[in-house]
C-alpha atoms as a PDB file:
ATOM      1  CA  UNK A   1      34.353  99.079 122.683  1.00  0.00           C
ATOM      2  CA  UNK A   2      30.628  99.038 121.829  1.00  0.00           C
ATOM      3  CA  UNK A   3      29.443 101.439 119.177  1.00  0.00           C
ATOM      4  CA  UNK A   4      25.907 102.310 118.132  1.00  0.00           C
ATOM      5  CA  UNK A   5      23.896 105.004 116.442  1.00  0.00           C
ATOM      6  CA  UNK A   6      23.197 107.618 119.083  1.00  0.00           C
ATOM      7  CA  UNK A   7      21.792 111.127 119.193  1.00  0.00           C
ATOM      8  CA  UNK A   8      23.531 112.392 116.053  1.00  0.00           C
ATOM      9  CA  UNK A   9      22.755 109.253 114.042  1.00  0.00           C
ATOM     10  CA  UNK A  10      26.474 108.645 113.486  1.00  0.00           C
ATOM     11  CA  UNK A  11      28.401 105.657 114.784  1.00  0.00           C
ATOM     12  CA  UNK A  12      29.345 106.546 118.347  1.00  0.00           C
ATOM     13  CA  UNK A  13      30.609 104.979 121.538  1.00  0.00           C
ATOM     14  CA  UNK A  14      27.657 103.423 123.377  1.00  0.00           C
ATOM     15  CA  UNK A  15      26.725 105.229 126.603  1.00  0.00           C
ATOM     16  CA  UNK A  16      23.589 104.818 128.762  1.00  0.00           C
ATOM     17  CA  UNK A  17      21.787 108.024 127.728  1.00  0.00           C
ATOM     18  CA  UNK A  18      18.283 107.164 128.895  1.00  0.00           C
ATOM     19  CA  UNK A  19      15.790 109.801 127.719  1.00  0.00           C
ATOM     20  CA  UNK A  20      18.570 111.896 126.163  1.00  0.00           C
ATOM     21  CA  UNK A  21      19.022 109.297 123.412  1.00  0.00           C
ATOM     22  CA  UNK A  22      15.727 110.392 121.848  1.00  0.00           C
ATOM     23  CA  UNK A  23      15.376 114.011 123.052  1.00  0.00           C
ATOM     24  CA  UNK A  24      15.407 116.924 120.636  1.00  0.00           C
ATOM     25  CA  UNK A  25      17.147 119.071 123.305  1.00  0.00           C
ATOM     26  CA  UNK A  26      20.155 116.756 123.672  1.00  0.00           C
ATOM     27  CA  UNK A  27      23.336 116.850 121.627  1.00  0.00           C
ATOM     28  CA  UNK A  28      26.184 114.355 121.821  1.00  0.00           C
ATOM     29  CA  UNK A  29      29.638 115.905 122.220  1.00  0.00           C
ATOM     30  CA  UNK A  30      32.861 113.972 121.622  1.00  0.00           C
ATOM     31  CA  UNK A  31      36.156 115.450 122.840  1.00  0.00           C
ATOM     32  CA  UNK A  32      39.434 115.287 120.936  1.00  0.00           C
ATOM     33  CA  UNK A  33      40.484 112.514 123.327  1.00  0.00           C
ATOM     34  CA  UNK A  34      37.400 110.398 122.553  1.00  0.00           C
ATOM     35  CA  UNK A  35      35.351 111.145 125.694  1.00  0.00           C
ATOM     36  CA  UNK A  36      31.622 111.344 124.995  1.00  0.00           C
ATOM     37  CA  UNK A  37      29.190 113.685 126.772  1.00  0.00           C
ATOM     38  CA  UNK A  38      25.543 114.627 126.285  1.00  0.00           C
ATOM     39  CA  UNK A  39      24.855 118.377 126.259  1.00  0.00           C
ATOM     40  CA  UNK A  40      21.391 119.535 127.298  1.00  0.00           C
ATOM     41  CA  UNK A  41      20.676 122.555 125.105  1.00  0.00           C
ATOM     42  CA  UNK A  42      17.906 123.669 127.480  1.00  0.00           C
ATOM     43  CA  UNK A  43      20.641 124.602 129.974  1.00  0.00           C
ATOM     44  CA  UNK A  44      21.523 127.671 127.883  1.00  0.00           C
ATOM     45  CA  UNK A  45      17.972 129.053 128.343  1.00  0.00           C
ATOM     46  CA  UNK A  46      16.951 127.675 131.733  1.00  0.00           C
ATOM     47  CA  UNK A  47      19.361 127.333 134.681  1.00  0.00           C
ATOM     48  CA  UNK A  48      17.257 124.540 136.214  1.00  0.00           C
ATOM     49  CA  UNK A  49      18.680 122.157 133.567  1.00  0.00           C
ATOM     50  CA  UNK A  50      22.177 120.737 133.987  1.00  0.00           C
ATOM     51  CA  UNK A  51      24.495 121.404 131.045  1.00  0.00           C
ATOM     52  CA  UNK A  52      25.935 117.867 131.125  1.00  0.00           C
ATOM     53  CA  UNK A  53      23.420 115.673 133.015  1.00  0.00           C
ATOM     54  CA  UNK A  54      24.444 112.488 134.792  1.00  0.00           C
ATOM     55  CA  UNK A  55      23.487 109.554 132.603  1.00  0.00           C
ATOM     56  CA  UNK A  56      21.238 107.717 132.230  1.00  0.00           C
ATOM     57  CA  UNK A  57      18.487 110.323 132.531  1.00  0.00           C
ATOM     58  CA  UNK A  58      15.248 108.523 133.448  1.00  0.00           C
ATOM     59  CA  UNK A  59      13.025 111.528 134.219  1.00  0.00           C
ATOM     60  CA  UNK A  60      13.176 115.071 132.787  1.00  0.00           C
ATOM     61  CA  UNK A  61      10.620 117.887 132.639  1.00  0.00           C
ATOM     62  CA  UNK A  62      12.247 119.213 129.439  1.00  0.00           C
ATOM     63  CA  UNK A  63      12.100 115.966 127.489  1.00  0.00           C
ATOM     64  CA  UNK A  64      10.757 116.387 123.948  1.00  0.00           C
ATOM     65  CA  UNK A  65      10.750 113.333 121.704  1.00  0.00           C
ATOM     66  CA  UNK A  66      12.839 113.709 118.565  1.00  0.00           C
ATOM     67  CA  UNK A  67      10.789 113.188 115.370  1.00  0.00           C
END
């Protein structure tokens, strides 16, 4: 299994996140069973954003680069 440093900066399972990998509105979620998802935090404020977008995300109007 490939592991890398993803959204949280911790060692994680490698998934093709696209823009979400470097977006301040994205948060990586890992289930108790080891499944990994990317949560779009914009979805809680704006219904036009999907809570768990299909990855990789290659275009997003809510993308904000993480500093």
